[in-house]
Amino acid sequence: MTYPLRVKRIVRVSLLILLALFVMIQFVPVAKTNPPVTGEIVAPADVKAVFRKSCYDCHSNETVYPWYNRVAPVSWLLARDVTSGRKQLNFSAWQQMPQDRQNRKRKKIWKEVGSGDMPLWFYVPLHPAAKMSDSDKAIVKAWSDAGPAGK
């Protein structure tokens, strides 16, 4: 099947325009911040290890930005996810929260992990080490169930 010359030209021009737009959006700056840690969570070493491995990239001020964070529009999505994650729960500011809020967050963490909602489904394929094993989940559940005494 042959396409008329006009259709080929429209496709070629459209692809060039898309390429030019892709190049231009690379110059839109995105803030990649890691504010100071002001009150890191106090928890047993095994709990902190699970959180560092599976949660800290989005839920702390210690985000390790991957190479693809330099490519728009992925960089925009990543910045949004980190900002949102820190707003919901920030392990780097845990001690800043009142004890009753820490207790609620502790239960909410297990609810999210236990239901499989965290880590996010699209995060794990890009960061396979973040996948929580049954052992990791058991550690988080035991910490959640222990309450403040489980520091």
N, C-alpha and C. Protein backbone atom coordinates (compact mmCIF):
# COMPACT_ATOMS: atom_id res chain seq x y z
N MET A 1 0.85 -1.17 0.00
CA MET A 1 0.00 0.00 0.00
C MET A 1 0.90 1.24 0.00
N THR A 2 0.69 2.12 -0.88
CA THR A 2 1.47 3.35 -0.94
C THR A 2 0.61 4.51 -0.47
N TYR A 3 1.27 5.38 0.26
CA TYR A 3 0.57 6.56 0.76
C TYR A 3 0.87 7.74 -0.16
N PRO A 4 -0.10 8.59 -0.33
CA PRO A 4 0.15 9.78 -1.14
C PRO A 4 1.28 10.60 -0.52
N LEU A 5 1.97 11.31 -1.34
CA LEU A 5 3.09 12.14 -0.91
C LEU A 5 2.68 13.13 0.18
N ARG A 6 1.48 13.65 0.10
CA ARG A 6 1.00 14.62 1.09
C ARG A 6 0.91 13.99 2.49
N VAL A 7 0.44 12.76 2.61
CA VAL A 7 0.33 12.08 3.90
C VAL A 7 1.72 11.85 4.47
N LYS A 8 2.64 11.43 3.64
CA LYS A 8 4.02 11.20 4.10
C LYS A 8 4.62 12.51 4.63
N ARG A 9 4.34 13.59 3.95
CA ARG A 9 4.88 14.88 4.37
C ARG A 9 4.27 15.31 5.71
N ILE A 10 2.98 15.12 5.87
CA ILE A 10 2.31 15.47 7.13
C ILE A 10 2.90 14.65 8.28
N VAL A 11 3.12 13.37 8.06
CA VAL A 11 3.69 12.50 9.09
C VAL A 11 5.10 12.97 9.43
N ARG A 12 5.90 13.27 8.43
CA ARG A 12 7.28 13.70 8.65
C ARG A 12 7.32 15.02 9.43
N VAL A 13 6.51 15.97 9.04
CA VAL A 13 6.47 17.27 9.73
C VAL A 13 5.98 17.09 11.17
N SER A 14 4.98 16.26 11.35
CA SER A 14 4.45 16.00 12.70
C SER A 14 5.53 15.39 13.59
N LEU A 15 6.27 14.45 13.08
CA LEU A 15 7.34 13.82 13.86
C LEU A 15 8.44 14.82 14.20
N LEU A 16 8.77 15.69 13.27
CA LEU A 16 9.77 16.72 13.54
C LEU A 16 9.30 17.70 14.62
N ILE A 17 8.02 18.05 14.56
CA ILE A 17 7.46 18.95 15.57
C ILE A 17 7.49 18.27 16.95
N LEU A 18 7.11 17.00 17.01
CA LEU A 18 7.14 16.26 18.27
C LEU A 18 8.57 16.16 18.81
N LEU A 19 9.52 15.90 17.94
CA LEU A 19 10.92 15.83 18.35
C LEU A 19 11.39 17.19 18.90
N ALA A 20 11.03 18.25 18.22
CA ALA A 20 11.41 19.60 18.67
C ALA A 20 10.79 19.90 20.03
N LEU A 21 9.53 19.53 20.22
CA LEU A 21 8.88 19.74 21.52
C LEU A 21 9.57 18.94 22.61
N PHE A 22 9.92 17.70 22.31
CA PHE A 22 10.61 16.85 23.28
C PHE A 22 11.94 17.48 23.69
N VAL A 23 12.67 17.99 22.75
CA VAL A 23 13.95 18.65 23.04
C VAL A 23 13.71 19.90 23.88
N MET A 24 12.72 20.70 23.52
CA MET A 24 12.45 21.94 24.26
C MET A 24 12.05 21.69 25.71
N ILE A 25 11.24 20.66 25.96
CA ILE A 25 10.79 20.43 27.33
C ILE A 25 11.94 19.98 28.24
N GLN A 26 13.05 19.56 27.65
CA GLN A 26 14.20 19.18 28.48
C GLN A 26 14.79 20.37 29.22
N PHE A 27 14.47 21.58 28.74
CA PHE A 27 15.01 22.79 29.36
C PHE A 27 14.11 23.36 30.45
N VAL A 28 12.98 22.71 30.71
CA VAL A 28 12.10 23.14 31.80
C VAL A 28 12.68 22.60 33.10
N PRO A 29 13.09 23.48 34.01
CA PRO A 29 13.76 23.01 35.24
C PRO A 29 12.79 22.32 36.19
N VAL A 30 13.32 21.34 36.90
CA VAL A 30 12.57 20.62 37.92
C VAL A 30 13.41 20.61 39.19
N ALA A 31 12.79 20.97 40.29
CA ALA A 31 13.51 21.00 41.57
C ALA A 31 13.72 19.58 42.08
N LYS A 32 14.96 19.25 42.34
CA LYS A 32 15.31 17.97 42.96
C LYS A 32 15.94 18.30 44.30
N THR A 33 15.12 18.29 45.31
CA THR A 33 15.60 18.72 46.61
C THR A 33 15.71 17.57 47.59
N ASN A 34 16.63 17.70 48.49
CA ASN A 34 16.74 16.83 49.65
C ASN A 34 16.98 17.74 50.85
N PRO A 35 15.89 18.26 51.44
CA PRO A 35 16.06 19.14 52.60
C PRO A 35 16.77 18.41 53.73
N PRO A 36 17.24 19.13 54.72
CA PRO A 36 17.92 18.47 55.84
C PRO A 36 16.97 17.53 56.60
N VAL A 37 17.55 16.49 57.14
CA VAL A 37 16.80 15.57 58.00
C VAL A 37 16.63 16.27 59.34
N THR A 38 15.39 16.42 59.78
CA THR A 38 15.13 17.20 60.99
C THR A 38 14.66 16.37 62.18
N GLY A 39 14.39 15.12 61.96
CA GLY A 39 13.90 14.27 63.06
C GLY A 39 13.60 12.88 62.55
N GLU A 40 14.64 12.18 62.17
CA GLU A 40 14.46 10.85 61.56
C GLU A 40 13.73 9.90 62.49
N ILE A 41 13.03 8.97 61.89
CA ILE A 41 12.28 7.98 62.65
C ILE A 41 13.23 7.17 63.54
N VAL A 42 12.77 6.90 64.75
CA VAL A 42 13.50 6.05 65.66
C VAL A 42 12.77 4.71 65.64
N ALA A 43 13.46 3.69 65.15
CA ALA A 43 12.87 2.36 65.02
C ALA A 43 14.00 1.34 65.07
N PRO A 44 13.67 0.08 65.34
CA PRO A 44 14.69 -0.96 65.32
C PRO A 44 15.41 -1.00 63.96
N ALA A 45 16.64 -1.48 63.98
CA ALA A 45 17.47 -1.49 62.77
C ALA A 45 16.81 -2.24 61.61
N ASP A 46 16.15 -3.36 61.90
CA ASP A 46 15.54 -4.13 60.81
C ASP A 46 14.37 -3.37 60.18
N VAL A 47 13.63 -2.63 60.98
CA VAL A 47 12.51 -1.82 60.46
C VAL A 47 13.06 -0.69 59.59
N LYS A 48 14.07 0.00 60.09
CA LYS A 48 14.67 1.09 59.32
C LYS A 48 15.26 0.57 58.02
N ALA A 49 15.84 -0.62 58.05
CA ALA A 49 16.42 -1.20 56.82
C ALA A 49 15.34 -1.43 55.77
N VAL A 50 14.19 -1.94 56.19
CA VAL A 50 13.08 -2.16 55.25
C VAL A 50 12.60 -0.82 54.70
N PHE A 51 12.43 0.15 55.56
CA PHE A 51 11.97 1.47 55.11
C PHE A 51 12.97 2.11 54.16
N ARG A 52 14.26 2.02 54.48
CA ARG A 52 15.28 2.61 53.60
C ARG A 52 15.25 1.96 52.22
N LYS A 53 15.09 0.65 52.21
CA LYS A 53 15.10 -0.10 50.95
C LYS A 53 13.85 0.15 50.11
N SER A 54 12.71 0.25 50.76
CA SER A 54 11.44 0.27 50.02
C SER A 54 10.69 1.59 50.04
N CYS A 55 11.03 2.50 50.94
CA CYS A 55 10.19 3.69 51.14
C CYS A 55 10.92 5.03 51.03
N TYR A 56 12.18 5.06 51.38
CA TYR A 56 12.87 6.34 51.55
C TYR A 56 12.97 7.19 50.30
N ASP A 57 12.98 6.60 49.11
CA ASP A 57 13.12 7.43 47.91
C ASP A 57 11.97 8.41 47.76
N CYS A 58 10.79 8.06 48.22
CA CYS A 58 9.64 8.97 48.11
C CYS A 58 9.21 9.55 49.46
N HIS A 59 9.56 8.88 50.54
CA HIS A 59 9.05 9.27 51.85
C HIS A 59 10.14 9.70 52.82
N SER A 60 11.15 10.38 52.30
CA SER A 60 12.19 10.94 53.17
C SER A 60 12.88 12.09 52.44
N ASN A 61 13.75 12.75 53.16
CA ASN A 61 14.57 13.81 52.55
C ASN A 61 15.90 13.23 52.07
N GLU A 62 15.94 11.94 51.84
CA GLU A 62 17.15 11.26 51.39
C GLU A 62 16.90 10.55 50.06
N THR A 63 16.15 11.18 49.20
CA THR A 63 15.81 10.60 47.90
C THR A 63 17.06 10.41 47.06
N VAL A 64 17.18 9.22 46.47
CA VAL A 64 18.24 8.95 45.51
C VAL A 64 17.58 9.05 44.14
N TYR A 65 17.94 10.10 43.40
CA TYR A 65 17.30 10.34 42.11
C TYR A 65 17.95 9.49 41.03
N PRO A 66 17.16 8.70 40.30
CA PRO A 66 17.71 7.84 39.25
C PRO A 66 18.07 8.64 38.00
N TRP A 67 18.79 8.00 37.09
CA TRP A 67 19.23 8.66 35.86
C TRP A 67 18.07 9.23 35.07
N TYR A 68 16.95 8.53 35.04
CA TYR A 68 15.83 8.97 34.21
C TYR A 68 15.13 10.20 34.79
N ASN A 69 15.57 10.65 35.95
CA ASN A 69 15.03 11.88 36.50
C ASN A 69 15.52 13.11 35.73
N ARG A 70 16.43 12.91 34.82
CA ARG A 70 16.93 14.02 34.01
C ARG A 70 16.19 14.16 32.68
N VAL A 71 15.19 13.31 32.46
CA VAL A 71 14.48 13.31 31.18
C VAL A 71 13.02 13.71 31.40
N ALA A 72 12.64 14.85 30.83
CA ALA A 72 11.24 15.29 30.89
C ALA A 72 10.46 14.46 29.87
N PRO A 73 9.24 14.15 30.13
CA PRO A 73 8.37 14.54 31.24
C PRO A 73 8.46 13.62 32.45
N VAL A 74 9.31 12.58 32.38
CA VAL A 74 9.44 11.67 33.52
C VAL A 74 9.90 12.43 34.76
N SER A 75 10.81 13.39 34.58
CA SER A 75 11.32 14.17 35.71
C SER A 75 10.18 14.90 36.42
N TRP A 76 9.20 15.36 35.65
CA TRP A 76 8.06 16.07 36.25
C TRP A 76 7.24 15.13 37.11
N LEU A 77 6.99 13.94 36.59
CA LEU A 77 6.21 12.95 37.34
C LEU A 77 6.93 12.54 38.62
N LEU A 78 8.22 12.33 38.50
CA LEU A 78 9.00 11.92 39.66
C LEU A 78 9.00 13.02 40.73
N ALA A 79 9.18 14.25 40.32
CA ALA A 79 9.15 15.36 41.28
C ALA A 79 7.80 15.44 41.98
N ARG A 80 6.73 15.25 41.21
CA ARG A 80 5.39 15.27 41.80
C ARG A 80 5.22 14.13 42.80
N ASP A 81 5.67 12.92 42.43
CA ASP A 81 5.53 11.76 43.32
C ASP A 81 6.32 11.93 44.61
N VAL A 82 7.54 12.46 44.51
CA VAL A 82 8.36 12.66 45.71
C VAL A 82 7.73 13.73 46.60
N THR A 83 7.30 14.82 46.02
CA THR A 83 6.65 15.89 46.80
C THR A 83 5.41 15.35 47.51
N SER A 84 4.59 14.62 46.78
CA SER A 84 3.37 14.04 47.35
C SER A 84 3.71 13.02 48.43
N GLY A 85 4.70 12.16 48.16
CA GLY A 85 5.09 11.15 49.13
C GLY A 85 5.57 11.77 50.44
N ARG A 86 6.41 12.80 50.32
CA ARG A 86 6.91 13.47 51.53
C ARG A 86 5.78 14.16 52.29
N LYS A 87 4.81 14.68 51.56
CA LYS A 87 3.69 15.36 52.21
C LYS A 87 2.84 14.35 53.01
N GLN A 88 2.66 13.17 52.46
CA GLN A 88 1.86 12.14 53.13
C GLN A 88 2.59 11.54 54.33
N LEU A 89 3.90 11.29 54.14
CA LEU A 89 4.70 10.65 55.19
C LEU A 89 6.17 10.95 54.92
N ASN A 90 6.84 11.53 55.89
CA ASN A 90 8.25 11.84 55.72
C ASN A 90 9.02 11.28 56.91
N PHE A 91 9.76 10.20 56.66
CA PHE A 91 10.53 9.57 57.73
C PHE A 91 11.63 10.49 58.26
N SER A 92 12.04 11.47 57.47
CA SER A 92 13.08 12.41 57.89
C SER A 92 12.56 13.48 58.84
N ALA A 93 11.26 13.56 59.00
CA ALA A 93 10.65 14.53 59.92
C ALA A 93 9.72 13.82 60.90
N TRP A 94 9.89 12.53 61.08
CA TRP A 94 9.02 11.72 61.94
C TRP A 94 8.94 12.27 63.35
N GLN A 95 10.07 12.64 63.91
CA GLN A 95 10.11 13.11 65.30
C GLN A 95 9.43 14.47 65.48
N GLN A 96 9.17 15.16 64.38
CA GLN A 96 8.48 16.45 64.45
C GLN A 96 6.98 16.27 64.72
N MET A 97 6.48 15.05 64.44
CA MET A 97 5.04 14.79 64.62
C MET A 97 4.73 14.49 66.08
N PRO A 98 3.56 14.91 66.55
CA PRO A 98 3.11 14.52 67.89
C PRO A 98 2.96 12.99 67.96
N GLN A 99 3.09 12.45 69.15
CA GLN A 99 3.06 11.00 69.35
C GLN A 99 1.77 10.36 68.81
N ASP A 100 0.62 11.01 69.02
CA ASP A 100 -0.63 10.42 68.55
C ASP A 100 -0.66 10.34 67.01
N ARG A 101 -0.07 11.32 66.35
CA ARG A 101 -0.01 11.28 64.89
C ARG A 101 0.97 10.20 64.43
N GLN A 102 2.08 10.05 65.14
CA GLN A 102 3.02 8.97 64.83
C GLN A 102 2.32 7.61 64.92
N ASN A 103 1.50 7.45 65.95
CA ASN A 103 0.78 6.19 66.13
C ASN A 103 -0.19 5.93 64.97
N ARG A 104 -0.89 6.98 64.55
CA ARG A 104 -1.81 6.83 63.41
C ARG A 104 -1.03 6.50 62.13
N LYS A 105 0.08 7.17 61.93
CA LYS A 105 0.90 6.91 60.74
C LYS A 105 1.45 5.48 60.76
N ARG A 106 1.85 5.03 61.93
CA ARG A 106 2.38 3.66 62.10
C ARG A 106 1.34 2.63 61.62
N LYS A 107 0.09 2.83 62.03
CA LYS A 107 -0.99 1.92 61.61
C LYS A 107 -1.26 2.06 60.11
N LYS A 108 -1.24 3.29 59.63
CA LYS A 108 -1.49 3.55 58.20
C LYS A 108 -0.40 2.92 57.34
N ILE A 109 0.84 2.96 57.81
CA ILE A 109 1.94 2.34 57.06
C ILE A 109 1.65 0.86 56.87
N TRP A 110 1.27 0.18 57.95
CA TRP A 110 0.99 -1.25 57.80
C TRP A 110 -0.21 -1.47 56.88
N LYS A 111 -1.23 -0.64 57.01
CA LYS A 111 -2.41 -0.79 56.15
C LYS A 111 -2.01 -0.72 54.68
N GLU A 112 -1.17 0.26 54.33
CA GLU A 112 -0.72 0.43 52.94
C GLU A 112 0.17 -0.74 52.49
N VAL A 113 1.11 -1.13 53.34
CA VAL A 113 2.02 -2.22 52.99
C VAL A 113 1.26 -3.55 52.95
N GLY A 114 0.45 -3.79 53.96
CA GLY A 114 -0.29 -5.06 54.05
C GLY A 114 -1.26 -5.26 52.89
N SER A 115 -1.83 -4.18 52.39
CA SER A 115 -2.78 -4.29 51.28
C SER A 115 -2.07 -4.36 49.92
N GLY A 116 -0.75 -4.13 49.93
CA GLY A 116 0.00 -4.15 48.67
C GLY A 116 -0.02 -2.82 47.93
N ASP A 117 -0.60 -1.80 48.55
CA ASP A 117 -0.65 -0.48 47.90
C ASP A 117 0.70 0.23 47.92
N MET A 118 1.58 -0.18 48.83
CA MET A 118 2.92 0.39 48.91
C MET A 118 3.92 -0.76 48.97
N PRO A 119 5.06 -0.60 48.33
CA PRO A 119 5.42 0.44 47.39
C PRO A 119 4.49 0.42 46.18
N LEU A 120 4.42 1.56 45.52
CA LEU A 120 3.54 1.70 44.36
C LEU A 120 3.88 0.68 43.27
N TRP A 121 2.85 0.22 42.58
CA TRP A 121 3.02 -0.84 41.57
C TRP A 121 4.00 -0.46 40.48
N PHE A 122 4.06 0.81 40.11
CA PHE A 122 4.94 1.22 39.01
C PHE A 122 6.36 1.52 39.48
N TYR A 123 6.56 1.60 40.79
CA TYR A 123 7.89 1.87 41.34
C TYR A 123 8.74 0.60 41.36
N VAL A 124 8.14 -0.50 41.75
CA VAL A 124 8.89 -1.75 41.95
C VAL A 124 9.57 -2.26 40.69
N PRO A 125 8.95 -2.26 39.51
CA PRO A 125 9.68 -2.74 38.33
C PRO A 125 10.95 -1.93 38.02
N LEU A 126 10.93 -0.65 38.34
CA LEU A 126 12.10 0.20 38.11
C LEU A 126 13.11 0.09 39.24
N HIS A 127 12.67 -0.38 40.40
CA HIS A 127 13.52 -0.53 41.58
C HIS A 127 13.23 -1.89 42.22
N PRO A 128 13.66 -2.98 41.60
CA PRO A 128 13.31 -4.32 42.09
C PRO A 128 13.71 -4.57 43.54
N ALA A 129 14.77 -3.93 44.00
CA ALA A 129 15.20 -4.13 45.39
C ALA A 129 14.17 -3.60 46.39
N ALA A 130 13.29 -2.72 45.94
CA ALA A 130 12.28 -2.14 46.82
C ALA A 130 11.12 -3.09 47.09
N LYS A 131 11.03 -4.16 46.34
CA LYS A 131 9.92 -5.12 46.54
C LYS A 131 10.02 -5.70 47.94
N MET A 132 8.92 -5.66 48.65
CA MET A 132 8.91 -6.17 50.02
C MET A 132 8.64 -7.67 50.02
N SER A 133 9.52 -8.39 50.68
CA SER A 133 9.34 -9.83 50.85
C SER A 133 8.32 -10.06 51.96
N ASP A 134 7.90 -11.30 52.13
CA ASP A 134 6.99 -11.63 53.24
C ASP A 134 7.67 -11.32 54.58
N SER A 135 8.98 -11.55 54.63
CA SER A 135 9.74 -11.26 55.84
C SER A 135 9.75 -9.75 56.13
N ASP A 136 9.94 -8.95 55.07
CA ASP A 136 9.91 -7.49 55.24
C ASP A 136 8.55 -7.05 55.76
N LYS A 137 7.50 -7.60 55.17
CA LYS A 137 6.15 -7.23 55.60
C LYS A 137 5.90 -7.62 57.05
N ALA A 138 6.41 -8.79 57.46
CA ALA A 138 6.24 -9.23 58.84
C ALA A 138 6.95 -8.28 59.81
N ILE A 139 8.11 -7.78 59.40
CA ILE A 139 8.86 -6.83 60.24
C ILE A 139 8.05 -5.55 60.41
N VAL A 140 7.48 -5.05 59.32
CA VAL A 140 6.69 -3.82 59.38
C VAL A 140 5.43 -4.04 60.22
N LYS A 141 4.78 -5.19 60.04
CA LYS A 141 3.57 -5.47 60.81
C LYS A 141 3.87 -5.56 62.30
N ALA A 142 4.94 -6.25 62.66
CA ALA A 142 5.30 -6.37 64.08
C ALA A 142 5.60 -4.99 64.67
N TRP A 143 6.30 -4.15 63.92
CA TRP A 143 6.59 -2.79 64.39
C TRP A 143 5.31 -1.98 64.56
N SER A 144 4.41 -2.09 63.59
CA SER A 144 3.14 -1.37 63.65
C SER A 144 2.31 -1.83 64.85
N ASP A 145 2.24 -3.14 65.04
CA ASP A 145 1.44 -3.69 66.15
C ASP A 145 2.04 -3.35 67.53
N ALA A 146 3.37 -3.19 67.58
CA ALA A 146 4.02 -2.92 68.87
C ALA A 146 3.71 -1.53 69.39
N GLY A 147 3.35 -0.62 68.50
CA GLY A 147 3.06 0.75 68.94
C GLY A 147 4.31 1.46 69.40
N PRO A 148 4.18 2.52 70.17
CA PRO A 148 5.32 3.34 70.58
C PRO A 148 6.40 2.53 71.30
N ALA A 149 6.03 1.44 71.94
CA ALA A 149 7.03 0.64 72.65
C ALA A 149 7.97 -0.03 71.65
N GLY A 150 7.55 -0.13 70.38
CA GLY A 150 8.36 -0.81 69.37
C GLY A 150 9.41 0.07 68.72
N LYS A 151 9.81 1.13 69.40
CA LYS A 151 10.85 2.02 68.86
C LYS A 151 12.08 1.24 68.77
